[in-house]
Amino acid sequence: ALAMVGGITPEKAEDQWKEIDLVQERLDGITIFKSLEVDILRDGSLDMTDEVLEALDLVIISVHSLMDMDETTMTDRVIRAMQHPSVDIIAHPTGRLLGRREPFQLDTDEVLRAALDLDVAVEINANPNRLDLNDVQARRAKELGVKITINTDAHSTQGLDHMSYGVDQARRGWIERDDVLNTMTVDRFHRWLGRREKRPA
């Protein structure tokens, strides 16, 4: 998964889980969720085994390659990936990098409707180079009742400061606290994750 940032194999994932378990034992009042961001491949399949995906607490998916597809092909690719029963969040859905890369061709309204139907949350990426969803798309997600997550895309602790940009973007889209996954209590978030058990395989 995510070869452009070093990637992770199923074996590495299991090693990471062991480390998380060790750290979790020493923490009081903090819950660590086992999660991966997994690449969406050309055909909408995911770049990780089903066994690993099923074992994770949280699965985030995203497009990082083959961004020159036409709108119909890209939209079908993304929605097919979202249909995987282990998927929880679609990250930086349009792939834009402000001032560097235009959004790829995607029917965002169709993707948001699929997110609602599949109970998949959609990310507002708080990195100031992304801010993806944009404010108009965030407002549409709000109108439809799609759950939002605001993530920093931090690759180090310094990137955690980006959260304020994501919150501002959400406010521009009229997103409220109850719309956002990462304002939930741990217990409520656990219950949200439990929706997977009700999905068709």
Protein backbone atom coordinates (compact mmCIF):
# COMPACT_ATOMS: atom_id res chain seq x y z
CA ALA A 1 0.00 0.00 0.00
CA LEU A 2 1.15 3.53 -0.83
CA ALA A 3 4.42 2.57 -2.46
CA MET A 4 5.28 6.23 -3.00
CA VAL A 5 5.81 6.69 0.75
CA GLY A 6 7.61 3.43 1.38
CA GLY A 7 4.66 1.10 1.20
CA ILE A 8 3.62 -1.57 3.67
CA THR A 9 3.25 -5.30 3.19
CA PRO A 10 0.87 -7.58 5.12
CA GLU A 11 3.87 -8.74 7.15
CA LYS A 12 4.84 -5.17 8.02
CA ALA A 13 1.24 -4.45 8.97
CA GLU A 14 1.21 -7.32 11.44
CA ASP A 15 4.51 -6.13 12.94
CA GLN A 16 3.00 -2.67 13.32
CA TRP A 17 -0.03 -4.11 15.12
CA LYS A 18 2.23 -5.82 17.65
CA GLU A 19 3.95 -2.51 18.36
CA ILE A 20 0.58 -0.79 18.72
CA ASP A 21 -0.57 -3.43 21.21
CA LEU A 22 2.58 -2.92 23.28
CA VAL A 23 2.14 0.85 23.33
CA GLN A 24 -1.58 0.59 24.05
CA GLU A 25 -0.86 -1.44 27.18
CA ARG A 26 1.13 1.49 28.58
CA LEU A 27 -1.41 4.19 27.75
CA ASP A 28 -4.26 5.25 29.98
CA GLY A 29 -7.13 7.21 28.47
CA ILE A 30 -5.88 7.06 24.87
CA THR A 31 -7.11 4.56 22.29
CA ILE A 32 -4.96 3.69 19.27
CA PHE A 33 -6.85 2.39 16.25
CA LYS A 34 -5.11 0.10 13.79
CA SER A 35 -5.44 1.71 10.39
CA LEU A 36 -3.93 1.93 6.93
CA GLU A 37 -4.33 4.22 3.94
CA VAL A 38 -4.61 1.85 0.99
CA ASP A 39 -4.15 2.69 -2.67
CA ILE A 40 -7.00 2.26 -5.14
CA LEU A 41 -5.69 0.30 -8.12
CA ARG A 42 -6.63 0.79 -11.77
CA ASP A 43 -9.67 -1.49 -11.64
CA GLY A 44 -10.96 -0.28 -8.26
CA SER A 45 -9.47 -3.13 -6.28
CA LEU A 46 -7.36 -2.32 -3.22
CA ASP A 47 -3.62 -2.70 -2.80
CA MET A 48 -3.84 -4.89 0.31
CA THR A 49 -5.07 -8.38 1.12
CA ASP A 50 -8.63 -8.87 2.33
CA GLU A 51 -7.26 -10.61 5.42
CA VAL A 52 -5.39 -7.47 6.50
CA LEU A 53 -8.27 -5.16 5.60
CA GLU A 54 -10.70 -7.21 7.67
CA ALA A 55 -8.34 -7.15 10.66
CA LEU A 56 -7.90 -3.37 10.68
CA ASP A 57 -10.00 -1.10 12.85
CA LEU A 58 -10.11 1.58 10.16
CA VAL A 59 -9.48 1.44 6.40
CA ILE A 60 -8.82 4.61 4.41
CA ILE A 61 -8.63 4.43 0.62
CA SER A 62 -7.28 6.92 -1.91
CA VAL A 63 -6.09 7.38 -5.48
CA HIS A 64 -2.36 8.05 -5.89
CA SER A 65 -1.74 6.91 -9.45
CA LEU A 66 -3.30 6.77 -12.93
CA MET A 67 -4.99 10.13 -12.48
CA ASP A 68 -5.56 10.82 -16.18
CA MET A 69 -8.65 8.62 -16.56
CA ASP A 70 -11.84 10.02 -18.06
CA GLU A 71 -14.61 10.98 -15.65
CA THR A 72 -16.73 7.87 -16.07
CA THR A 73 -13.81 5.47 -15.68
CA MET A 74 -12.40 7.29 -12.64
CA THR A 75 -15.80 7.58 -10.98
CA ASP A 76 -16.49 3.87 -11.49
CA ARG A 77 -13.01 3.04 -10.16
CA VAL A 78 -13.49 5.06 -6.97
CA ILE A 79 -17.00 3.79 -6.28
CA ARG A 80 -15.97 0.19 -6.84
CA ALA A 81 -13.22 0.66 -4.24
CA MET A 82 -15.70 2.21 -1.81
CA GLN A 83 -17.89 -0.88 -2.17
CA HIS A 84 -15.31 -3.07 -0.44
CA PRO A 85 -16.94 -4.10 2.86
CA SER A 86 -13.91 -3.09 4.94
CA VAL A 87 -13.66 0.49 3.67
CA ASP A 88 -14.42 3.33 6.09
CA ILE A 89 -13.07 6.56 4.54
CA ILE A 90 -12.25 7.88 1.07
CA ALA A 91 -9.32 10.32 1.38
CA HIS A 92 -8.54 13.46 -0.68
CA PRO A 93 -11.25 12.42 -3.12
CA THR A 94 -10.36 14.65 -6.09
CA GLY A 95 -6.57 14.39 -5.88
CA ARG A 96 -5.96 18.10 -6.29
CA LEU A 97 -2.75 19.83 -5.24
CA LEU A 98 -3.31 23.57 -5.16
CA GLY A 99 -1.18 25.40 -7.69
CA ARG A 100 0.41 22.14 -8.84
CA ARG A 101 -2.21 19.64 -9.98
CA GLU A 102 -5.81 20.03 -11.06
CA PRO A 103 -8.42 17.67 -9.62
CA PHE A 104 -8.74 14.52 -11.65
CA GLN A 105 -11.95 14.05 -13.61
CA LEU A 106 -14.53 12.73 -11.16
CA ASP A 107 -18.28 12.99 -10.74
CA THR A 108 -18.07 14.11 -7.13
CA ASP A 109 -21.84 14.19 -6.70
CA GLU A 110 -22.08 10.54 -7.73
CA VAL A 111 -19.22 9.66 -5.36
CA LEU A 112 -20.90 11.52 -2.49
CA ARG A 113 -24.18 9.72 -3.16
CA ALA A 114 -22.32 6.40 -3.16
CA ALA A 115 -20.66 7.38 0.12
CA LEU A 116 -24.09 7.97 1.64
CA ASP A 117 -25.48 4.67 0.33
CA LEU A 118 -22.41 2.71 1.44
CA ASP A 119 -21.97 4.55 4.77
CA VAL A 120 -18.41 5.55 3.86
CA ALA A 121 -17.06 8.82 5.26
CA VAL A 122 -15.40 11.40 3.02
CA GLU A 123 -12.26 13.25 4.00
CA ILE A 124 -11.57 16.94 4.10
CA ASN A 125 -7.80 16.85 3.80
CA ALA A 126 -6.41 19.69 5.92
CA ASN A 127 -3.03 19.90 4.23
CA PRO A 128 -2.95 23.47 2.85
CA ASN A 129 -1.70 22.08 -0.46
CA ARG A 130 -4.84 19.95 -0.80
CA LEU A 131 -7.94 21.22 1.09
CA ASP A 132 -9.81 18.41 -0.62
CA LEU A 133 -12.89 18.29 -0.50
CA ASN A 134 -13.30 21.93 -1.44
CA ASP A 135 -15.92 24.06 0.30
CA VAL A 136 -18.64 23.56 -2.33
CA GLN A 137 -18.19 19.79 -2.28
CA ALA A 138 -18.19 19.81 1.52
CA ARG A 139 -21.48 21.70 1.50
CA ARG A 140 -22.94 19.11 -0.86
CA ALA A 141 -21.78 16.31 1.44
CA LYS A 142 -23.52 18.11 4.30
CA GLU A 143 -26.74 18.43 2.28
CA LEU A 144 -26.73 14.71 1.50
CA GLY A 145 -25.91 13.65 5.07
CA VAL A 146 -22.50 12.14 4.29
CA LYS A 147 -20.17 11.73 7.25
CA ILE A 148 -17.00 13.83 7.11
CA THR A 149 -13.56 13.29 8.59
CA ILE A 150 -11.02 16.10 8.88
CA ASN A 151 -7.47 14.77 8.59
CA THR A 152 -4.11 16.52 8.56
CA ASP A 153 -2.33 14.14 6.15
CA ALA A 154 0.60 14.61 8.54
CA HIS A 155 3.78 12.70 7.74
CA SER A 156 5.39 14.04 10.93
CA THR A 157 4.26 15.76 14.12
CA GLN A 158 4.79 19.14 12.45
CA GLY A 159 1.96 18.38 10.05
CA LEU A 160 -0.55 18.12 12.89
CA ASP A 161 -0.71 21.93 12.90
CA HIS A 162 -2.62 21.71 9.60
CA MET A 163 -5.82 20.70 11.40
CA SER A 164 -6.99 24.31 11.67
CA TYR A 165 -7.02 24.62 7.87
CA GLY A 166 -9.28 21.60 7.61
CA VAL A 167 -11.63 22.95 10.27
CA ASP A 168 -11.83 26.27 8.39
CA GLN A 169 -12.57 24.40 5.15
CA ALA A 170 -15.33 22.43 6.89
CA ARG A 171 -16.87 25.62 8.25
CA ARG A 172 -16.91 27.11 4.76
CA GLY A 173 -18.94 24.06 3.75
CA TRP A 174 -21.32 24.53 6.69
CA ILE A 175 -20.11 21.30 8.27
CA GLU A 176 -21.07 20.98 11.92
CA ARG A 177 -19.64 19.01 14.81
CA ASP A 178 -22.17 16.18 14.50
CA ASP A 179 -21.20 15.65 10.85
CA VAL A 180 -17.55 14.90 11.68
CA LEU A 181 -16.20 11.50 12.70
CA ASN A 182 -13.23 12.81 14.63
CA THR A 183 -15.38 14.86 16.99
CA MET A 184 -16.96 11.62 18.25
CA THR A 185 -16.22 10.09 21.61
CA VAL A 186 -14.26 6.85 21.46
CA ASP A 187 -17.37 4.84 22.36
CA ARG A 188 -19.44 6.49 19.65
CA PHE A 189 -16.66 5.99 17.11
CA HIS A 190 -16.48 2.30 18.02
CA ARG A 191 -20.22 2.06 17.38
CA TRP A 192 -19.78 3.76 14.00
CA LEU A 193 -17.07 1.28 13.07
CA GLY A 194 -19.47 -1.50 14.03
CA ARG A 195 -21.67 -0.62 11.05
CA ARG A 196 -19.34 -2.86 8.99
CA GLU A 197 -20.99 -5.92 10.52
CA LYS A 198 -24.30 -4.93 8.91
CA ARG A 199 -22.86 -4.60 5.41
CA PRO A 200 -23.21 -7.23 2.72
CA ALA A 201 -19.89 -8.93 1.96
